C-alpha atoms as a PDB file:
ATOM      1  CA  UNK A   1      16.130  17.433  10.929  1.00  0.00           C
ATOM      2  CA  UNK A   2      13.704  16.845   8.016  1.00  0.00           C
ATOM      3  CA  UNK A   3      14.162  18.885   4.865  1.00  0.00           C
ATOM      4  CA  UNK A   4      12.308  22.225   5.070  1.00  0.00           C
ATOM      5  CA  UNK A   5      11.399  21.844   1.381  1.00  0.00           C
ATOM      6  CA  UNK A   6       9.797  18.408   1.796  1.00  0.00           C
ATOM      7  CA  UNK A   7       6.347  19.502   0.635  1.00  0.00           C
ATOM      8  CA  UNK A   8       7.418  21.497  -2.417  1.00  0.00           C
ATOM      9  CA  UNK A   9       7.645  18.702  -5.011  1.00  0.00           C
ATOM     10  CA  UNK A  10       5.374  15.963  -3.710  1.00  0.00           C
ATOM     11  CA  UNK A  11       1.876  15.893  -5.185  1.00  0.00           C
ATOM     12  CA  UNK A  12      -1.101  15.153  -2.922  1.00  0.00           C
ATOM     13  CA  UNK A  13      -4.585  13.960  -3.777  1.00  0.00           C
ATOM     14  CA  UNK A  14      -7.828  13.915  -1.839  1.00  0.00           C
ATOM     15  CA  UNK A  15      -8.791  10.458  -0.577  1.00  0.00           C
ATOM     16  CA  UNK A  16     -12.317   9.788  -1.799  1.00  0.00           C
ATOM     17  CA  UNK A  17     -14.768  12.327  -0.391  1.00  0.00           C
ATOM     18  CA  UNK A  18     -12.827  12.856   2.832  1.00  0.00           C
ATOM     19  CA  UNK A  19     -10.692  15.698   4.099  1.00  0.00           C
ATOM     20  CA  UNK A  20      -7.542  13.575   3.892  1.00  0.00           C
ATOM     21  CA  UNK A  21      -4.860  14.350   1.329  1.00  0.00           C
ATOM     22  CA  UNK A  22      -2.441  11.513   0.619  1.00  0.00           C
ATOM     23  CA  UNK A  23       0.889  11.720  -1.205  1.00  0.00           C
ATOM     24  CA  UNK A  24       0.672  10.216  -4.680  1.00  0.00           C
ATOM     25  CA  UNK A  25       3.470   7.860  -3.559  1.00  0.00           C
ATOM     26  CA  UNK A  26       3.218   6.195  -0.130  1.00  0.00           C
ATOM     27  CA  UNK A  27       5.726   3.888   1.575  1.00  0.00           C
ATOM     28  CA  UNK A  28       4.725   0.386   2.620  1.00  0.00           C
ATOM     29  CA  UNK A  29       6.737  -1.534   5.199  1.00  0.00           C
ATOM     30  CA  UNK A  30       5.754  -5.071   4.159  1.00  0.00           C
ATOM     31  CA  UNK A  31       9.356  -5.860   3.191  1.00  0.00           C
ATOM     32  CA  UNK A  32      12.726  -4.562   4.440  1.00  0.00           C
ATOM     33  CA  UNK A  33      11.613  -3.465   7.910  1.00  0.00           C
ATOM     34  CA  UNK A  34      11.722  -6.721   9.881  1.00  0.00           C
ATOM     35  CA  UNK A  35      14.327  -7.878  12.374  1.00  0.00           C
ATOM     36  CA  UNK A  36      16.156  -9.645   9.536  1.00  0.00           C
ATOM     37  CA  UNK A  37      16.886  -6.245   7.968  1.00  0.00           C
ATOM     38  CA  UNK A  38      19.405  -3.549   8.867  1.00  0.00           C
ATOM     39  CA  UNK A  39      18.082  -0.895  11.230  1.00  0.00           C
ATOM     40  CA  UNK A  40      20.380   1.784   9.771  1.00  0.00           C
ATOM     41  CA  UNK A  41      18.913   1.158   6.318  1.00  0.00           C
ATOM     42  CA  UNK A  42      15.381   1.308   7.697  1.00  0.00           C
ATOM     43  CA  UNK A  43      16.136   4.597   9.469  1.00  0.00           C
ATOM     44  CA  UNK A  44      17.606   6.074   6.294  1.00  0.00           C
ATOM     45  CA  UNK A  45      14.640   4.997   4.162  1.00  0.00           C
ATOM     46  CA  UNK A  46      12.027   6.487   6.484  1.00  0.00           C
ATOM     47  CA  UNK A  47      13.931   9.749   6.917  1.00  0.00           C
ATOM     48  CA  UNK A  48      14.496  10.097   3.180  1.00  0.00           C
ATOM     49  CA  UNK A  49      10.880   9.259   2.379  1.00  0.00           C
ATOM     50  CA  UNK A  50       9.725  11.999   4.743  1.00  0.00           C
ATOM     51  CA  UNK A  51      12.209  14.412   3.159  1.00  0.00           C
ATOM     52  CA  UNK A  52      10.598  13.632  -0.214  1.00  0.00           C
ATOM     53  CA  UNK A  53       7.167  14.584   1.120  1.00  0.00           C
ATOM     54  CA  UNK A  54       5.970  11.015   1.665  1.00  0.00           C
ATOM     55  CA  UNK A  55       3.735  11.435   4.692  1.00  0.00           C
ATOM     56  CA  UNK A  56       1.945   8.074   4.589  1.00  0.00           C
ATOM     57  CA  UNK A  57       3.595   4.991   6.112  1.00  0.00           C
ATOM     58  CA  UNK A  58       1.663   1.733   5.817  1.00  0.00           C
ATOM     59  CA  UNK A  59       2.075  -1.275   8.129  1.00  0.00           C
ATOM     60  CA  UNK A  60       0.177  -4.342   9.317  1.00  0.00           C
ATOM     61  CA  UNK A  61       0.271  -6.418  12.477  1.00  0.00           C
ATOM     62  CA  UNK A  62       2.096  -9.302  10.762  1.00  0.00           C
ATOM     63  CA  UNK A  63       4.739  -7.394   8.786  1.00  0.00           C
ATOM     64  CA  UNK A  64       8.282  -8.510   9.513  1.00  0.00           C
ATOM     65  CA  UNK A  65       9.671 -11.107   9.729  1.00  0.00           C
ATOM     66  CA  UNK A  66       9.048 -12.025  12.434  1.00  0.00           C
ATOM     67  CA  UNK A  67       5.451 -10.864  12.577  1.00  0.00           C
ATOM     68  CA  UNK A  68       5.164  -7.601  14.480  1.00  0.00           C
ATOM     69  CA  UNK A  69       8.795  -6.571  14.065  1.00  0.00           C
ATOM     70  CA  UNK A  70       8.116  -3.978  11.346  1.00  0.00           C
ATOM     71  CA  UNK A  71       5.808  -2.107  13.719  1.00  0.00           C
ATOM     72  CA  UNK A  72       8.391  -2.309  16.520  1.00  0.00           C
ATOM     73  CA  UNK A  73      11.168  -1.039  14.259  1.00  0.00           C
ATOM     74  CA  UNK A  74       9.042   1.723  12.780  1.00  0.00           C
ATOM     75  CA  UNK A  75       7.908   2.783  16.240  1.00  0.00           C
ATOM     76  CA  UNK A  76      11.501   2.999  17.444  1.00  0.00           C
ATOM     77  CA  UNK A  77      12.557   5.116  14.472  1.00  0.00           C
ATOM     78  CA  UNK A  78       9.525   7.365  14.862  1.00  0.00           C
ATOM     79  CA  UNK A  79      10.214   7.834  18.557  1.00  0.00           C
ATOM     80  CA  UNK A  80      13.947   8.489  18.175  1.00  0.00           C
ATOM     81  CA  UNK A  81      13.983  10.518  14.950  1.00  0.00           C
ATOM     82  CA  UNK A  82      10.594  11.920  13.994  1.00  0.00           C
ATOM     83  CA  UNK A  83       8.410  12.125  17.104  1.00  0.00           C
ATOM     84  CA  UNK A  84       8.039  15.890  16.730  1.00  0.00           C
ATOM     85  CA  UNK A  85       6.484  15.346  13.285  1.00  0.00           C
ATOM     86  CA  UNK A  86       3.856  12.745  14.197  1.00  0.00           C
ATOM     87  CA  UNK A  87       1.002  15.097  13.304  1.00  0.00           C
ATOM     88  CA  UNK A  88       2.402  15.506   9.785  1.00  0.00           C
ATOM     89  CA  UNK A  89       2.102  11.757   9.140  1.00  0.00           C
ATOM     90  CA  UNK A  90      -0.593   9.291   8.167  1.00  0.00           C
ATOM     91  CA  UNK A  91       0.278   5.976   9.839  1.00  0.00           C
ATOM     92  CA  UNK A  92      -1.829   2.928   9.044  1.00  0.00           C
ATOM     93  CA  UNK A  93      -1.994  -0.654  10.223  1.00  0.00           C
ATOM     94  CA  UNK A  94      -4.143  -3.689   9.513  1.00  0.00           C
ATOM     95  CA  UNK A  95      -5.401  -6.953  10.956  1.00  0.00           C
ATOM     96  CA  UNK A  96      -6.983  -9.933   9.267  1.00  0.00           C
ATOM     97  CA  UNK A  97      -4.268 -12.391   8.328  1.00  0.00           C
ATOM     98  CA  UNK A  98      -2.731 -14.907  10.726  1.00  0.00           C
ATOM     99  CA  UNK A  99      -0.940 -13.273  13.641  1.00  0.00           C
ATOM    100  CA  UNK A 100      -0.911 -15.687  16.589  1.00  0.00           C
ATOM    101  CA  UNK A 101      -2.187 -19.206  17.416  1.00  0.00           C
ATOM    102  CA  UNK A 102      -5.636 -20.069  18.636  1.00  0.00           C
ATOM    103  CA  UNK A 103      -9.128 -19.197  17.414  1.00  0.00           C
ATOM    104  CA  UNK A 104      -8.715 -15.433  17.989  1.00  0.00           C
ATOM    105  CA  UNK A 105      -5.497 -14.804  16.051  1.00  0.00           C
ATOM    106  CA  UNK A 106      -6.748 -14.130  12.513  1.00  0.00           C
ATOM    107  CA  UNK A 107      -9.721 -13.262  10.265  1.00  0.00           C
ATOM    108  CA  UNK A 108     -12.357 -10.705  11.248  1.00  0.00           C
ATOM    109  CA  UNK A 109     -13.937 -11.168  14.647  1.00  0.00           C
ATOM    110  CA  UNK A 110     -14.377  -8.177  16.928  1.00  0.00           C
ATOM    111  CA  UNK A 111     -12.232 -10.035  19.473  1.00  0.00           C
ATOM    112  CA  UNK A 112      -9.280 -10.322  17.078  1.00  0.00           C
ATOM    113  CA  UNK A 113      -9.460  -6.888  15.480  1.00  0.00           C
ATOM    114  CA  UNK A 114      -9.645  -4.892  18.709  1.00  0.00           C
ATOM    115  CA  UNK A 115      -6.961  -6.978  20.421  1.00  0.00           C
ATOM    116  CA  UNK A 116      -4.692  -6.752  17.385  1.00  0.00           C
ATOM    117  CA  UNK A 117      -5.055  -2.980  17.171  1.00  0.00           C
ATOM    118  CA  UNK A 118      -4.146  -2.667  20.857  1.00  0.00           C
ATOM    119  CA  UNK A 119      -1.034  -4.767  20.223  1.00  0.00           C
ATOM    120  CA  UNK A 120      -0.071  -2.706  17.153  1.00  0.00           C
ATOM    121  CA  UNK A 121      -0.374   0.550  19.103  1.00  0.00           C
ATOM    122  CA  UNK A 122       1.815  -0.867  21.853  1.00  0.00           C
ATOM    123  CA  UNK A 123       4.465  -2.047  19.379  1.00  0.00           C
ATOM    124  CA  UNK A 124       4.617   1.354  17.684  1.00  0.00           C
ATOM    125  CA  UNK A 125       4.279   3.376  20.869  1.00  0.00           C
ATOM    126  CA  UNK A 126       1.269   5.272  19.515  1.00  0.00           C
ATOM    127  CA  UNK A 127      -2.000   6.401  21.040  1.00  0.00           C
ATOM    128  CA  UNK A 128      -3.801   5.989  17.719  1.00  0.00           C
ATOM    129  CA  UNK A 129      -3.280   5.086  14.072  1.00  0.00           C
ATOM    130  CA  UNK A 130      -4.612   7.330  11.357  1.00  0.00           C
ATOM    131  CA  UNK A 131      -6.084   4.429   9.368  1.00  0.00           C
ATOM    132  CA  UNK A 132      -6.996   0.955  10.601  1.00  0.00           C
ATOM    133  CA  UNK A 133      -7.820  -1.630   7.936  1.00  0.00           C
ATOM    134  CA  UNK A 134      -9.489  -4.981   7.887  1.00  0.00           C
ATOM    135  CA  UNK A 135      -6.831  -6.804   5.881  1.00  0.00           C
ATOM    136  CA  UNK A 136      -8.972  -9.414   4.099  1.00  0.00           C
ATOM    137  CA  UNK A 137     -12.613 -10.530   3.977  1.00  0.00           C
ATOM    138  CA  UNK A 138     -13.686 -13.176   6.483  1.00  0.00           C
ATOM    139  CA  UNK A 139     -16.131 -15.672   4.915  1.00  0.00           C
ATOM    140  CA  UNK A 140     -17.322 -16.937   8.311  1.00  0.00           C
ATOM    141  CA  UNK A 141     -17.787 -13.799  10.413  1.00  0.00           C
ATOM    142  CA  UNK A 142     -20.803 -11.552   9.762  1.00  0.00           C
ATOM    143  CA  UNK A 143     -19.688  -8.433   7.946  1.00  0.00           C
ATOM    144  CA  UNK A 144     -21.682  -6.405  10.471  1.00  0.00           C
ATOM    145  CA  UNK A 145     -19.428  -7.666  13.267  1.00  0.00           C
ATOM    146  CA  UNK A 146     -16.214  -6.876  11.394  1.00  0.00           C
ATOM    147  CA  UNK A 147     -17.335  -3.397  10.354  1.00  0.00           C
ATOM    148  CA  UNK A 148     -18.684  -2.825  13.840  1.00  0.00           C
ATOM    149  CA  UNK A 149     -15.217  -3.519  15.226  1.00  0.00           C
ATOM    150  CA  UNK A 150     -13.719  -0.898  12.893  1.00  0.00           C
ATOM    151  CA  UNK A 151     -16.341   1.604  14.003  1.00  0.00           C
ATOM    152  CA  UNK A 152     -15.593   0.743  17.648  1.00  0.00           C
ATOM    153  CA  UNK A 153     -11.875   1.434  17.112  1.00  0.00           C
ATOM    154  CA  UNK A 154     -12.711   4.948  15.896  1.00  0.00           C
ATOM    155  CA  UNK A 155     -15.090   5.580  18.780  1.00  0.00           C
ATOM    156  CA  UNK A 156     -12.394   4.432  21.201  1.00  0.00           C
ATOM    157  CA  UNK A 157     -10.028   7.020  19.732  1.00  0.00           C
ATOM    158  CA  UNK A 158      -7.596   4.323  18.613  1.00  0.00           C
ATOM    159  CA  UNK A 159      -8.068   5.054  14.892  1.00  0.00           C
ATOM    160  CA  UNK A 160      -9.064   8.229  13.077  1.00  0.00           C
ATOM    161  CA  UNK A 161     -10.293   6.499   9.917  1.00  0.00           C
ATOM    162  CA  UNK A 162     -10.946   2.960   8.733  1.00  0.00           C
ATOM    163  CA  UNK A 163     -10.407   1.068   5.520  1.00  0.00           C
ATOM    164  CA  UNK A 164     -10.605  -2.363   3.951  1.00  0.00           C
ATOM    165  CA  UNK A 165      -8.157  -4.390   1.874  1.00  0.00           C
ATOM    166  CA  UNK A 166      -8.586  -7.195  -0.668  1.00  0.00           C
ATOM    167  CA  UNK A 167     -12.397  -6.856  -0.711  1.00  0.00           C
ATOM    168  CA  UNK A 168     -14.249  -7.653  -3.945  1.00  0.00           C
ATOM    169  CA  UNK A 169     -16.742  -5.124  -5.400  1.00  0.00           C
ATOM    170  CA  UNK A 170     -19.997  -6.353  -3.847  1.00  0.00           C
ATOM    171  CA  UNK A 171     -18.449  -6.932  -0.418  1.00  0.00           C
ATOM    172  CA  UNK A 172     -16.926  -3.467  -0.650  1.00  0.00           C
ATOM    173  CA  UNK A 173     -20.340  -1.956  -1.324  1.00  0.00           C
ATOM    174  CA  UNK A 174     -21.875  -3.850   1.586  1.00  0.00           C
ATOM    175  CA  UNK A 175     -19.041  -2.888   3.933  1.00  0.00           C
ATOM    176  CA  UNK A 176     -19.339   0.765   2.917  1.00  0.00           C
ATOM    177  CA  UNK A 177     -23.099   0.738   3.561  1.00  0.00           C
ATOM    178  CA  UNK A 178     -22.668  -0.789   7.029  1.00  0.00           C
ATOM    179  CA  UNK A 179     -19.945   1.679   7.992  1.00  0.00           C
ATOM    180  CA  UNK A 180     -21.958   4.612   6.681  1.00  0.00           C
ATOM    181  CA  UNK A 181     -24.905   3.479   8.776  1.00  0.00           C
ATOM    182  CA  UNK A 182     -22.681   3.341  11.848  1.00  0.00           C
ATOM    183  CA  UNK A 183     -21.424   6.865  11.220  1.00  0.00           C
ATOM    184  CA  UNK A 184     -17.843   5.872  10.384  1.00  0.00           C
ATOM    185  CA  UNK A 185     -17.435   6.099   6.596  1.00  0.00           C
ATOM    186  CA  UNK A 186     -14.973   3.835   4.809  1.00  0.00           C
ATOM    187  CA  UNK A 187     -12.060   6.082   3.910  1.00  0.00           C
ATOM    188  CA  UNK A 188      -9.980   3.864   1.655  1.00  0.00           C
ATOM    189  CA  UNK A 189      -9.563   0.499  -0.038  1.00  0.00           C
ATOM    190  CA  UNK A 190      -6.172  -1.186  -0.485  1.00  0.00           C
ATOM    191  CA  UNK A 191      -6.296  -3.711  -3.345  1.00  0.00           C
ATOM    192  CA  UNK A 192      -3.576  -5.397  -5.352  1.00  0.00           C
ATOM    193  CA  UNK A 193      -3.313  -3.666  -8.722  1.00  0.00           C
ATOM    194  CA  UNK A 194      -0.694  -3.412 -11.433  1.00  0.00           C
ATOM    195  CA  UNK A 195      -0.278  -3.839 -15.184  1.00  0.00           C
ATOM    196  CA  UNK A 196      -0.222  -7.617 -14.786  1.00  0.00           C
ATOM    197  CA  UNK A 197      -3.162  -7.850 -12.368  1.00  0.00           C
ATOM    198  CA  UNK A 198      -6.046  -5.552 -13.329  1.00  0.00           C
ATOM    199  CA  UNK A 199      -8.956  -7.092 -11.451  1.00  0.00           C
ATOM    200  CA  UNK A 200     -10.061  -3.838  -9.827  1.00  0.00           C
ATOM    201  CA  UNK A 201     -11.104  -2.493 -13.239  1.00  0.00           C
ATOM    202  CA  UNK A 202     -13.895  -5.118 -13.329  1.00  0.00           C
ATOM    203  CA  UNK A 203     -16.272  -3.379 -10.953  1.00  0.00           C
ATOM    204  CA  UNK A 204     -14.275  -2.240  -7.940  1.00  0.00           C
ATOM    205  CA  UNK A 205     -13.257   1.167  -9.298  1.00  0.00           C
ATOM    206  CA  UNK A 206     -16.924   1.865 -10.068  1.00  0.00           C
ATOM    207  CA  UNK A 207     -17.940   1.022  -6.504  1.00  0.00           C
ATOM    208  CA  UNK A 208     -15.163   3.181  -5.061  1.00  0.00           C
ATOM    209  CA  UNK A 209     -16.212   6.111  -7.245  1.00  0.00           C
ATOM    210  CA  UNK A 210     -19.875   5.784  -6.320  1.00  0.00           C
ATOM    211  CA  UNK A 211     -19.188   5.349  -2.603  1.00  0.00           C
ATOM    212  CA  UNK A 212     -16.563   8.110  -2.382  1.00  0.00           C
ATOM    213  CA  UNK A 213     -13.815   5.749  -1.195  1.00  0.00           C
ATOM    214  CA  UNK A 214     -10.130   6.318  -1.957  1.00  0.00           C
ATOM    215  CA  UNK A 215      -7.878   3.661  -3.444  1.00  0.00           C
ATOM    216  CA  UNK A 216      -4.236   2.865  -2.638  1.00  0.00           C
ATOM    217  CA  UNK A 217      -3.042  -0.142  -4.649  1.00  0.00           C
ATOM    218  CA  UNK A 218      -0.310  -2.358  -3.256  1.00  0.00           C
ATOM    219  CA  UNK A 219       2.204  -4.278  -5.390  1.00  0.00           C
ATOM    220  CA  UNK A 220       2.063  -1.658  -8.186  1.00  0.00           C
ATOM    221  CA  UNK A 221       5.301  -3.058  -9.641  1.00  0.00           C
ATOM    222  CA  UNK A 222       4.143  -6.693  -9.411  1.00  0.00           C
ATOM    223  CA  UNK A 223       6.810  -7.524  -6.803  1.00  0.00           C
ATOM    224  CA  UNK A 224       9.556  -6.127  -8.976  1.00  0.00           C
ATOM    225  CA  UNK A 225       8.468  -7.664 -12.276  1.00  0.00           C
ATOM    226  CA  UNK A 226       7.668  -4.222 -13.690  1.00  0.00           C
ATOM    227  CA  UNK A 227      11.230  -2.977 -13.218  1.00  0.00           C
ATOM    228  CA  UNK A 228      14.506  -3.671 -15.020  1.00  0.00           C
ATOM    229  CA  UNK A 229      15.210  -6.463 -12.506  1.00  0.00           C
ATOM    230  CA  UNK A 230      14.148  -9.373 -14.726  1.00  0.00           C
ATOM    231  CA  UNK A 231      14.629  -8.045 -18.253  1.00  0.00           C
ATOM    232  CA  UNK A 232      17.668 -10.213 -18.991  1.00  0.00           C
ATOM    233  CA  UNK A 233      17.554 -13.018 -16.439  1.00  0.00           C
ATOM    234  CA  UNK A 234      16.200 -14.011 -13.038  1.00  0.00           C
ATOM    235  CA  UNK A 235      18.911 -13.072 -10.516  1.00  0.00           C
ATOM    236  CA  UNK A 236      19.520 -15.609  -7.758  1.00  0.00           C
ATOM    237  CA  UNK A 237      19.147 -12.907  -5.099  1.00  0.00           C
ATOM    238  CA  UNK A 238      15.806 -11.613  -6.456  1.00  0.00           C
ATOM    239  CA  UNK A 239      12.383 -12.397  -4.998  1.00  0.00           C
ATOM    240  CA  UNK A 240      11.700 -14.885  -7.785  1.00  0.00           C
ATOM    241  CA  UNK A 241      15.165 -16.363  -7.469  1.00  0.00           C
ATOM    242  CA  UNK A 242      14.718 -16.887  -3.724  1.00  0.00           C
ATOM    243  CA  UNK A 243      11.379 -18.633  -4.263  1.00  0.00           C
ATOM    244  CA  UNK A 244       9.200 -16.436  -2.059  1.00  0.00           C
ATOM    245  CA  UNK A 245       5.732 -15.158  -2.985  1.00  0.00           C
ATOM    246  CA  UNK A 246       6.957 -14.539  -6.535  1.00  0.00           C
ATOM    247  CA  UNK A 247       7.762 -17.711  -8.454  1.00  0.00           C
ATOM    248  CA  UNK A 248      10.149 -18.135 -11.376  1.00  0.00           C
ATOM    249  CA  UNK A 249       7.505 -19.654 -13.738  1.00  0.00           C
ATOM    250  CA  UNK A 250       5.282 -16.595 -13.227  1.00  0.00           C
ATOM    251  CA  UNK A 251       8.101 -14.239 -14.181  1.00  0.00           C
ATOM    252  CA  UNK A 252       9.047 -16.328 -17.206  1.00  0.00           C
ATOM    253  CA  UNK A 253       5.441 -16.312 -18.423  1.00  0.00           C
ATOM    254  CA  UNK A 254       5.215 -12.517 -18.117  1.00  0.00           C
ATOM    255  CA  UNK A 255       8.631 -11.692 -19.633  1.00  0.00           C
ATOM    256  CA  UNK A 256       7.437 -11.082 -23.222  1.00  0.00           C
ATOM    257  CA  UNK A 257       4.941  -8.481 -21.972  1.00  0.00           C
ATOM    258  CA  UNK A 258       7.463  -6.959 -19.582  1.00  0.00           C
ATOM    259  CA  UNK A 259      10.045  -6.532 -22.358  1.00  0.00           C
ATOM    260  CA  UNK A 260       7.474  -5.007 -24.705  1.00  0.00           C
ATOM    261  CA  UNK A 261       6.371  -2.589 -21.991  1.00  0.00           C
ATOM    262  CA  UNK A 262       9.994  -1.686 -21.355  1.00  0.00           C
ATOM    263  CA  UNK A 263      10.351  -0.676 -25.010  1.00  0.00           C
ATOM    264  CA  UNK A 264       7.448   1.778 -24.620  1.00  0.00           C
ATOM    265  CA  UNK A 265       8.999   3.123 -21.427  1.00  0.00           C
ATOM    266  CA  UNK A 266      12.302   3.638 -23.237  1.00  0.00           C
ATOM    267  CA  UNK A 267      10.514   5.632 -25.944  1.00  0.00           C
ATOM    268  CA  UNK A 268       9.141   7.819 -23.147  1.00  0.00           C
ATOM    269  CA  UNK A 269      12.705   8.235 -21.757  1.00  0.00           C
ATOM    270  CA  UNK A 270      11.395   6.690 -18.571  1.00  0.00           C
ATOM    271  CA  UNK A 271      12.414   3.545 -16.641  1.00  0.00           C
ATOM    272  CA  UNK A 272       9.826   0.765 -16.714  1.00  0.00           C
ATOM    273  CA  UNK A 273       9.152   1.133 -12.982  1.00  0.00           C
ATOM    274  CA  UNK A 274       8.301   4.811 -13.387  1.00  0.00           C
ATOM    275  CA  UNK A 275       5.982   4.117 -16.303  1.00  0.00           C
ATOM    276  CA  UNK A 276       4.253   1.323 -14.390  1.00  0.00           C
ATOM    277  CA  UNK A 277       3.595   3.678 -11.472  1.00  0.00           C
ATOM    278  CA  UNK A 278       2.364   6.431 -13.784  1.00  0.00           C
ATOM    279  CA  UNK A 279      -0.003   3.922 -15.382  1.00  0.00           C
ATOM    280  CA  UNK A 280      -1.416   3.040 -11.935  1.00  0.00           C
ATOM    281  CA  UNK A 281      -1.878   6.699 -11.058  1.00  0.00           C
ATOM    282  CA  UNK A 282      -3.698   7.425 -14.327  1.00  0.00           C
ATOM    283  CA  UNK A 283      -6.963   6.124 -12.846  1.00  0.00           C
ATOM    284  CA  UNK A 284      -8.951   8.944 -11.217  1.00  0.00           C
ATOM    285  CA  UNK A 285     -10.014   6.588  -8.408  1.00  0.00           C
ATOM    286  CA  UNK A 286      -6.400   5.888  -7.387  1.00  0.00           C
ATOM    287  CA  UNK A 287      -5.351   8.243  -4.614  1.00  0.00           C
ATOM    288  CA  UNK A 288      -1.833   6.939  -4.020  1.00  0.00           C
ATOM    289  CA  UNK A 289       0.459   4.115  -5.117  1.00  0.00           C
ATOM    290  CA  UNK A 290       1.890   2.076  -2.245  1.00  0.00           C
ATOM    291  CA  UNK A 291       5.503   1.222  -2.970  1.00  0.00           C
ATOM    292  CA  UNK A 292       8.141  -0.781  -1.143  1.00  0.00           C
ATOM    293  CA  UNK A 293      11.796   0.192  -1.153  1.00  0.00           C
ATOM    294  CA  UNK A 294      15.105  -1.334  -0.128  1.00  0.00           C
ATOM    295  CA  UNK A 295      17.287   1.664  -0.992  1.00  0.00           C
ATOM    296  CA  UNK A 296      17.217   5.430  -1.210  1.00  0.00           C
ATOM    297  CA  UNK A 297      17.906   5.121  -4.937  1.00  0.00           C
ATOM    298  CA  UNK A 298      14.684   3.134  -5.334  1.00  0.00           C
ATOM    299  CA  UNK A 299      12.748   5.775  -3.428  1.00  0.00           C
ATOM    300  CA  UNK A 300      14.129   8.566  -5.588  1.00  0.00           C
ATOM    301  CA  UNK A 301      13.371   6.650  -8.784  1.00  0.00           C
ATOM    302  CA  UNK A 302       9.797   5.931  -7.761  1.00  0.00           C
ATOM    303  CA  UNK A 303       9.044   9.492  -6.678  1.00  0.00           C
ATOM    304  CA  UNK A 304      10.535  10.827  -9.921  1.00  0.00           C
ATOM    305  CA  UNK A 305       7.437   9.435 -11.660  1.00  0.00           C
ATOM    306  CA  UNK A 306       5.551  12.525 -10.513  1.00  0.00           C
ATOM    307  CA  UNK A 307       7.479  14.513 -13.120  1.00  0.00           C
ATOM    308  CA  UNK A 308       5.938  12.463 -15.954  1.00  0.00           C
ATOM    309  CA  UNK A 309       2.430  11.167 -15.270  1.00  0.00           C
ATOM    310  CA  UNK A 310       0.842  11.925 -18.645  1.00  0.00           C
ATOM    311  CA  UNK A 311       0.265   9.391 -21.416  1.00  0.00           C
ATOM    312  CA  UNK A 312      -0.687  10.016 -25.009  1.00  0.00           C
ATOM    313  CA  UNK A 313      -3.671   8.157 -26.411  1.00  0.00           C
ATOM    314  CA  UNK A 314      -1.275   6.241 -28.650  1.00  0.00           C
ATOM    315  CA  UNK A 315       0.867   5.140 -25.696  1.00  0.00           C
ATOM    316  CA  UNK A 316      -2.163   3.938 -23.747  1.00  0.00           C
ATOM    317  CA  UNK A 317      -3.419   2.022 -26.780  1.00  0.00           C
ATOM    318  CA  UNK A 318      -0.023   0.355 -27.262  1.00  0.00           C
ATOM    319  CA  UNK A 319       0.160  -0.607 -23.586  1.00  0.00           C
ATOM    320  CA  UNK A 320      -3.370  -1.993 -23.731  1.00  0.00           C
ATOM    321  CA  UNK A 321      -2.505  -4.119 -26.759  1.00  0.00           C
ATOM    322  CA  UNK A 322       0.485  -5.604 -24.940  1.00  0.00           C
ATOM    323  CA  UNK A 323      -1.422  -6.330 -21.765  1.00  0.00           C
ATOM    324  CA  UNK A 324      -4.294  -7.969 -23.608  1.00  0.00           C
ATOM    325  CA  UNK A 325      -1.973  -9.952 -25.897  1.00  0.00           C
END
């Protein structure tokens, strides 16, 4: 039974110019929800997140490993534990990256997007997702076709809203114009954004503001770099230590900045991860920060940021000096 007080402490923010309110912290299932992970841990994380007032759960067709298993596992947990609360949740999925072999298993064709959404719904046991994203721009498919597929998903009743991910500013503006013309506005954009990767500040936030589109950055902690994980060394069991997406040379290059940022966080009596999330949420265009979690302790720590979101002008100036150094 979910906590009856689950909505008392979570903060919610309107997504762009829509009627949707998202929690300031949302849970992404990119890591820790595949078949290689423990189902009991997954069940505990989702239940605890919901108890904390996290109503938005973000997936994609290829999350796992193996690809598709995160949706299967989430669907099972939803069905067995939280089915009665489906209408209190925002569930999203995406398609765009490689999912299956052949010419129709990735990118942005109408064929791939509609088929992938059907497969995602089947894996999760849902009639619809709340948000369906195109996961990355397709340089070879007309944008009109890709956006038309998103519009078609809404008209089919298989998605309530649509979004885009990893789109640059001008492509975002074009996509928004096409969707608006079709009568299915773009609800939200999911870009990568954190203290170490600030590309969205060079035009994208302006487009999102002007078009009335929400923003939910992924990787707000730079795959764990903006935590206390790497302050002293690179653990062998860490993402960098295992040699996945995050590489040891990247962490070593960023360590001086990370340690300097940690000193500012300590002066704020705040862990580095909390400060990094607060810094993301400082932008008025950012609706929610999309976190990953492998433990309930991590969830609690990340949500605790909502108790301290403010920065002084001096703190922001000091952070800026470090990041530009």
